[in-house]
Amino acid sequence: MGLTQKDLADRAGVGLRFIRDLEQGKESLRMDKVNQVLALFGHRMEPVAYRMEVADEEG
């Protein structure tokens, strides 16, 4: 889209620091803000059920 970080932050309604943290892979970000950014690209992130597979232990 040819946006600078500042342009993206402004269009998404989030702070520039948030965009930098997002791009750098910060592990803890607010999902509502992530969704504000993703909405510009027609996407959304949401929690899904996760079921750990437990290996059968024999013996």
PDB file of N, CA and C in Angstrom:
ATOM      1  N   MET A   1       0.822  -1.204   0.000  1.00  0.00           N
ATOM      2  CA  MET A   1       0.000   0.000   0.000  1.00  0.00           C
ATOM      3  C   MET A   1       0.861   1.261   0.000  1.00  0.00           C
ATOM      4  N   GLY A   2       2.135   1.117   0.205  1.00  0.00           N
ATOM      5  CA  GLY A   2       3.021   2.267   0.172  1.00  0.00           C
ATOM      6  C   GLY A   2       2.851   3.233   1.338  1.00  0.00           C
ATOM      7  N   LEU A   3       2.425   2.720   2.492  1.00  0.00           N
ATOM      8  CA  LEU A   3       2.206   3.576   3.654  1.00  0.00           C
ATOM      9  C   LEU A   3       3.448   3.617   4.535  1.00  0.00           C
ATOM     10  N   THR A   4       3.714   4.780   5.101  1.00  0.00           N
ATOM     11  CA  THR A   4       4.737   4.852   6.129  1.00  0.00           C
ATOM     12  C   THR A   4       4.126   4.346   7.421  1.00  0.00           C
ATOM     13  N   GLN A   5       4.949   4.084   8.410  1.00  0.00           N
ATOM     14  CA  GLN A   5       4.423   3.674   9.713  1.00  0.00           C
ATOM     15  C   GLN A   5       3.470   4.732  10.257  1.00  0.00           C
ATOM     16  N   LYS A   6       3.824   5.993  10.102  1.00  0.00           N
ATOM     17  CA  LYS A   6       2.986   7.095  10.592  1.00  0.00           C
ATOM     18  C   LYS A   6       1.649   7.114   9.858  1.00  0.00           C
ATOM     19  N   ASP A   7       1.673   6.959   8.532  1.00  0.00           N
ATOM     20  CA  ASP A   7       0.437   6.915   7.747  1.00  0.00           C
ATOM     21  C   ASP A   7      -0.458   5.762   8.196  1.00  0.00           C
ATOM     22  N   LEU A   8       0.148   4.590   8.391  1.00  0.00           N
ATOM     23  CA  LEU A   8      -0.614   3.424   8.822  1.00  0.00           C
ATOM     24  C   LEU A   8      -1.234   3.664  10.194  1.00  0.00           C
ATOM     25  N   ALA A   9      -0.460   4.201  11.105  1.00  0.00           N
ATOM     26  CA  ALA A   9      -0.967   4.504  12.449  1.00  0.00           C
ATOM     27  C   ALA A   9      -2.139   5.471  12.379  1.00  0.00           C
ATOM     28  N   ASP A  10      -2.001   6.516  11.594  1.00  0.00           N
ATOM     29  CA  ASP A  10      -3.073   7.509  11.462  1.00  0.00           C
ATOM     30  C   ASP A  10      -4.330   6.897  10.858  1.00  0.00           C
ATOM     31  N   ARG A  11      -4.164   6.121   9.792  1.00  0.00           N
ATOM     32  CA  ARG A  11      -5.333   5.524   9.131  1.00  0.00           C
ATOM     33  C   ARG A  11      -6.026   4.491  10.004  1.00  0.00           C
ATOM     34  N   ALA A  12      -5.251   3.776  10.825  1.00  0.00           N
ATOM     35  CA  ALA A  12      -5.827   2.740  11.682  1.00  0.00           C
ATOM     36  C   ALA A  12      -6.341   3.311  13.007  1.00  0.00           C
ATOM     37  N   GLY A  13      -5.931   4.518  13.339  1.00  0.00           N
ATOM     38  CA  GLY A  13      -6.363   5.112  14.602  1.00  0.00           C
ATOM     39  C   GLY A  13      -5.611   4.578  15.811  1.00  0.00           C
ATOM     40  N   VAL A  14      -4.360   4.192  15.589  1.00  0.00           N
ATOM     41  CA  VAL A  14      -3.512   3.711  16.678  1.00  0.00           C
ATOM     42  C   VAL A  14      -2.254   4.575  16.718  1.00  0.00           C
ATOM     43  N   GLY A  15      -1.483   4.408  17.770  1.00  0.00           N
ATOM     44  CA  GLY A  15      -0.254   5.179  17.899  1.00  0.00           C
ATOM     45  C   GLY A  15       0.889   4.623  17.071  1.00  0.00           C
ATOM     46  N   LEU A  16       1.834   5.482  16.770  1.00  0.00           N
ATOM     47  CA  LEU A  16       3.011   5.080  16.006  1.00  0.00           C
ATOM     48  C   LEU A  16       3.799   4.010  16.754  1.00  0.00           C
ATOM     49  N   ARG A  17       3.919   4.151  18.053  1.00  0.00           N
ATOM     50  CA  ARG A  17       4.649   3.146  18.835  1.00  0.00           C
ATOM     51  C   ARG A  17       3.987   1.773  18.704  1.00  0.00           C
ATOM     52  N   PHE A  18       2.657   1.735  18.669  1.00  0.00           N
ATOM     53  CA  PHE A  18       1.961   0.456  18.505  1.00  0.00           C
ATOM     54  C   PHE A  18       2.351  -0.201  17.182  1.00  0.00           C
ATOM     55  N   ILE A  19       2.385   0.572  16.108  1.00  0.00           N
ATOM     56  CA  ILE A  19       2.771   0.035  14.793  1.00  0.00           C
ATOM     57  C   ILE A  19       4.193  -0.508  14.846  1.00  0.00           C
ATOM     58  N   ARG A  20       5.088   0.220  15.482  1.00  0.00           N
ATOM     59  CA  ARG A  20       6.474  -0.252  15.600  1.00  0.00           C
ATOM     60  C   ARG A  20       6.540  -1.554  16.390  1.00  0.00           C
ATOM     61  N   ASP A  21       5.807  -1.612  17.505  1.00  0.00           N
ATOM     62  CA  ASP A  21       5.781  -2.838  18.305  1.00  0.00           C
ATOM     63  C   ASP A  21       5.215  -4.005  17.500  1.00  0.00           C
ATOM     64  N   LEU A  22       4.160  -3.761  16.740  1.00  0.00           N
ATOM     65  CA  LEU A  22       3.542  -4.782  15.908  1.00  0.00           C
ATOM     66  C   LEU A  22       4.532  -5.313  14.872  1.00  0.00           C
ATOM     67  N   GLU A  23       5.220  -4.408  14.199  1.00  0.00           N
ATOM     68  CA  GLU A  23       6.171  -4.815  13.164  1.00  0.00           C
ATOM     69  C   GLU A  23       7.370  -5.550  13.738  1.00  0.00           C
ATOM     70  N   GLN A  24       7.721  -5.233  14.977  1.00  0.00           N
ATOM     71  CA  GLN A  24       8.881  -5.873  15.593  1.00  0.00           C
ATOM     72  C   GLN A  24       8.522  -7.185  16.298  1.00  0.00           C
ATOM     73  N   GLY A  25       7.242  -7.566  16.226  1.00  0.00           N
ATOM     74  CA  GLY A  25       6.825  -8.855  16.765  1.00  0.00           C
ATOM     75  C   GLY A  25       6.671  -8.898  18.270  1.00  0.00           C
ATOM     76  N   LYS A  26       6.324  -7.772  18.877  1.00  0.00           N
ATOM     77  CA  LYS A  26       6.106  -7.768  20.328  1.00  0.00           C
ATOM     78  C   LYS A  26       5.085  -8.849  20.672  1.00  0.00           C
ATOM     79  N   GLU A  27       5.353  -9.592  21.730  1.00  0.00           N
ATOM     80  CA  GLU A  27       4.523 -10.755  22.058  1.00  0.00           C
ATOM     81  C   GLU A  27       3.201 -10.406  22.726  1.00  0.00           C
ATOM     82  N   SER A  28       3.095  -9.235  23.316  1.00  0.00           N
ATOM     83  CA  SER A  28       1.843  -8.886  24.001  1.00  0.00           C
ATOM     84  C   SER A  28       1.309  -7.564  23.452  1.00  0.00           C
ATOM     85  N   LEU A  29       0.287  -7.677  22.633  1.00  0.00           N
ATOM     86  CA  LEU A  29      -0.366  -6.509  22.048  1.00  0.00           C
ATOM     87  C   LEU A  29      -1.872  -6.634  22.262  1.00  0.00           C
ATOM     88  N   ARG A  30      -2.536  -5.514  22.352  1.00  0.00           N
ATOM     89  CA  ARG A  30      -3.998  -5.532  22.511  1.00  0.00           C
ATOM     90  C   ARG A  30      -4.660  -5.977  21.217  1.00  0.00           C
ATOM     91  N   MET A  31      -5.497  -6.994  21.337  1.00  0.00           N
ATOM     92  CA  MET A  31      -6.152  -7.546  20.158  1.00  0.00           C
ATOM     93  C   MET A  31      -7.059  -6.523  19.480  1.00  0.00           C
ATOM     94  N   ASP A  32      -7.717  -5.659  20.245  1.00  0.00           N
ATOM     95  CA  ASP A  32      -8.592  -4.666  19.625  1.00  0.00           C
ATOM     96  C   ASP A  32      -7.799  -3.718  18.733  1.00  0.00           C
ATOM     97  N   LYS A  33      -6.595  -3.362  19.160  1.00  0.00           N
ATOM     98  CA  LYS A  33      -5.762  -2.480  18.335  1.00  0.00           C
ATOM     99  C   LYS A  33      -5.207  -3.214  17.120  1.00  0.00           C
ATOM    100  N   VAL A  34      -4.834  -4.477  17.315  1.00  0.00           N
ATOM    101  CA  VAL A  34      -4.376  -5.282  16.175  1.00  0.00           C
ATOM    102  C   VAL A  34      -5.487  -5.336  15.134  1.00  0.00           C
ATOM    103  N   ASN A  35      -6.720  -5.535  15.586  1.00  0.00           N
ATOM    104  CA  ASN A  35      -7.849  -5.600  14.658  1.00  0.00           C
ATOM    105  C   ASN A  35      -8.115  -4.271  13.967  1.00  0.00           C
ATOM    106  N   GLN A  36      -7.817  -3.162  14.626  1.00  0.00           N
ATOM    107  CA  GLN A  36      -7.962  -1.861  13.960  1.00  0.00           C
ATOM    108  C   GLN A  36      -7.024  -1.785  12.760  1.00  0.00           C
ATOM    109  N   VAL A  37      -5.820  -2.289  12.925  1.00  0.00           N
ATOM    110  CA  VAL A  37      -4.852  -2.279  11.826  1.00  0.00           C
ATOM    111  C   VAL A  37      -5.269  -3.291  10.749  1.00  0.00           C
ATOM    112  N   LEU A  38      -5.621  -4.497  11.170  1.00  0.00           N
ATOM    113  CA  LEU A  38      -6.007  -5.527  10.208  1.00  0.00           C
ATOM    114  C   LEU A  38      -7.236  -5.147   9.390  1.00  0.00           C
ATOM    115  N   ALA A  39      -8.137  -4.375   9.978  1.00  0.00           N
ATOM    116  CA  ALA A  39      -9.359  -3.964   9.282  1.00  0.00           C
ATOM    117  C   ALA A  39      -9.045  -3.187   8.006  1.00  0.00           C
ATOM    118  N   LEU A  40      -7.943  -2.472   7.999  1.00  0.00           N
ATOM    119  CA  LEU A  40      -7.549  -1.733   6.787  1.00  0.00           C
ATOM    120  C   LEU A  40      -7.280  -2.675   5.615  1.00  0.00           C
ATOM    121  N   PHE A  41      -6.955  -3.918   5.931  1.00  0.00           N
ATOM    122  CA  PHE A  41      -6.613  -4.899   4.911  1.00  0.00           C
ATOM    123  C   PHE A  41      -7.701  -5.962   4.745  1.00  0.00           C
ATOM    124  N   GLY A  42      -8.853  -5.719   5.377  1.00  0.00           N
ATOM    125  CA  GLY A  42      -9.971  -6.640   5.240  1.00  0.00           C
ATOM    126  C   GLY A  42      -9.836  -7.916   6.054  1.00  0.00           C
ATOM    127  N   HIS A  43      -9.087  -7.854   7.144  1.00  0.00           N
ATOM    128  CA  HIS A  43      -8.882  -9.037   7.977  1.00  0.00           C
ATOM    129  C   HIS A  43      -9.243  -8.748   9.424  1.00  0.00           C
ATOM    130  N   ARG A  44      -9.322  -9.823  10.202  1.00  0.00           N
ATOM    131  CA  ARG A  44      -9.638  -9.719  11.624  1.00  0.00           C
ATOM    132  C   ARG A  44      -9.002 -10.914  12.333  1.00  0.00           C
ATOM    133  N   MET A  45      -8.568 -10.694  13.541  1.00  0.00           N
ATOM    134  CA  MET A  45      -8.016 -11.774  14.345  1.00  0.00           C
ATOM    135  C   MET A  45      -8.947 -11.992  15.529  1.00  0.00           C
ATOM    136  N   GLU A  46      -9.175 -13.255  15.857  1.00  0.00           N
ATOM    137  CA  GLU A  46     -10.026 -13.547  17.002  1.00  0.00           C
ATOM    138  C   GLU A  46      -9.566 -14.838  17.658  1.00  0.00           C
ATOM    139  N   PRO A  47      -9.895 -15.009  18.925  1.00  0.00           N
ATOM    140  CA  PRO A  47      -9.495 -16.244  19.600  1.00  0.00           C
ATOM    141  C   PRO A  47     -10.267 -17.435  19.053  1.00  0.00           C
ATOM    142  N   VAL A  48      -9.627 -18.557  19.042  1.00  0.00           N
ATOM    143  CA  VAL A  48     -10.272 -19.796  18.622  1.00  0.00           C
ATOM    144  C   VAL A  48     -10.017 -20.855  19.689  1.00  0.00           C
ATOM    145  N   ALA A  49     -10.875 -21.811  19.747  1.00  0.00           N
ATOM    146  CA  ALA A  49     -10.704 -22.900  20.704  1.00  0.00           C
ATOM    147  C   ALA A  49      -9.433 -23.670  20.358  1.00  0.00           C
ATOM    148  N   TYR A  50      -8.691 -23.992  21.364  1.00  0.00           N
ATOM    149  CA  TYR A  50      -7.446 -24.730  21.180  1.00  0.00           C
ATOM    150  C   TYR A  50      -7.510 -25.978  22.044  1.00  0.00           C
ATOM    151  N   ARG A  51      -7.273 -27.101  21.442  1.00  0.00           N
ATOM    152  CA  ARG A  51      -7.315 -28.362  22.179  1.00  0.00           C
ATOM    153  C   ARG A  51      -5.973 -29.047  22.044  1.00  0.00           C
ATOM    154  N   MET A  52      -5.295 -29.182  23.159  1.00  0.00           N
ATOM    155  CA  MET A  52      -3.996 -29.858  23.126  1.00  0.00           C
ATOM    156  C   MET A  52      -4.200 -31.349  22.914  1.00  0.00           C
ATOM    157  N   GLU A  53      -3.430 -31.892  22.037  1.00  0.00           N
ATOM    158  CA  GLU A  53      -3.474 -33.331  21.789  1.00  0.00           C
ATOM    159  C   GLU A  53      -2.584 -34.003  22.842  1.00  0.00           C
ATOM    160  N   VAL A  54      -3.144 -34.965  23.509  1.00  0.00           N
ATOM    161  CA  VAL A  54      -2.387 -35.696  24.521  1.00  0.00           C
ATOM    162  C   VAL A  54      -2.001 -37.041  23.936  1.00  0.00           C
ATOM    163  N   ALA A  55      -0.721 -37.280  23.888  1.00  0.00           N
ATOM    164  CA  ALA A  55      -0.248 -38.553  23.339  1.00  0.00           C
ATOM    165  C   ALA A  55      -0.619 -39.691  24.285  1.00  0.00           C
ATOM    166  N   ASP A  56      -1.079 -40.778  23.704  1.00  0.00           N
ATOM    167  CA  ASP A  56      -1.387 -41.966  24.517  1.00  0.00           C
ATOM    168  C   ASP A  56      -0.087 -42.559  25.020  1.00  0.00           C
ATOM    169  N   GLU A  57      -0.039 -42.784  26.321  1.00  0.00           N
ATOM    170  CA  GLU A  57       1.150 -43.388  26.895  1.00  0.00           C
ATOM    171  C   GLU A  57       0.870 -44.871  27.123  1.00  0.00           C
ATOM    172  N   GLU A  58       1.687 -45.684  26.513  1.00  0.00           N
ATOM    173  CA  GLU A  58       1.527 -47.127  26.687  1.00  0.00           C
ATOM    174  C   GLU A  58       2.569 -47.632  27.659  1.00  0.00           C
ATOM    175  N   GLY A  59       2.171 -48.531  28.527  1.00  0.00           N
ATOM    176  CA  GLY A  59       3.126 -49.202  29.389  1.00  0.00           C
ATOM    177  C   GLY A  59       3.047 -48.765  30.753  1.00  0.00           C
TER     178      GLY A  59
END
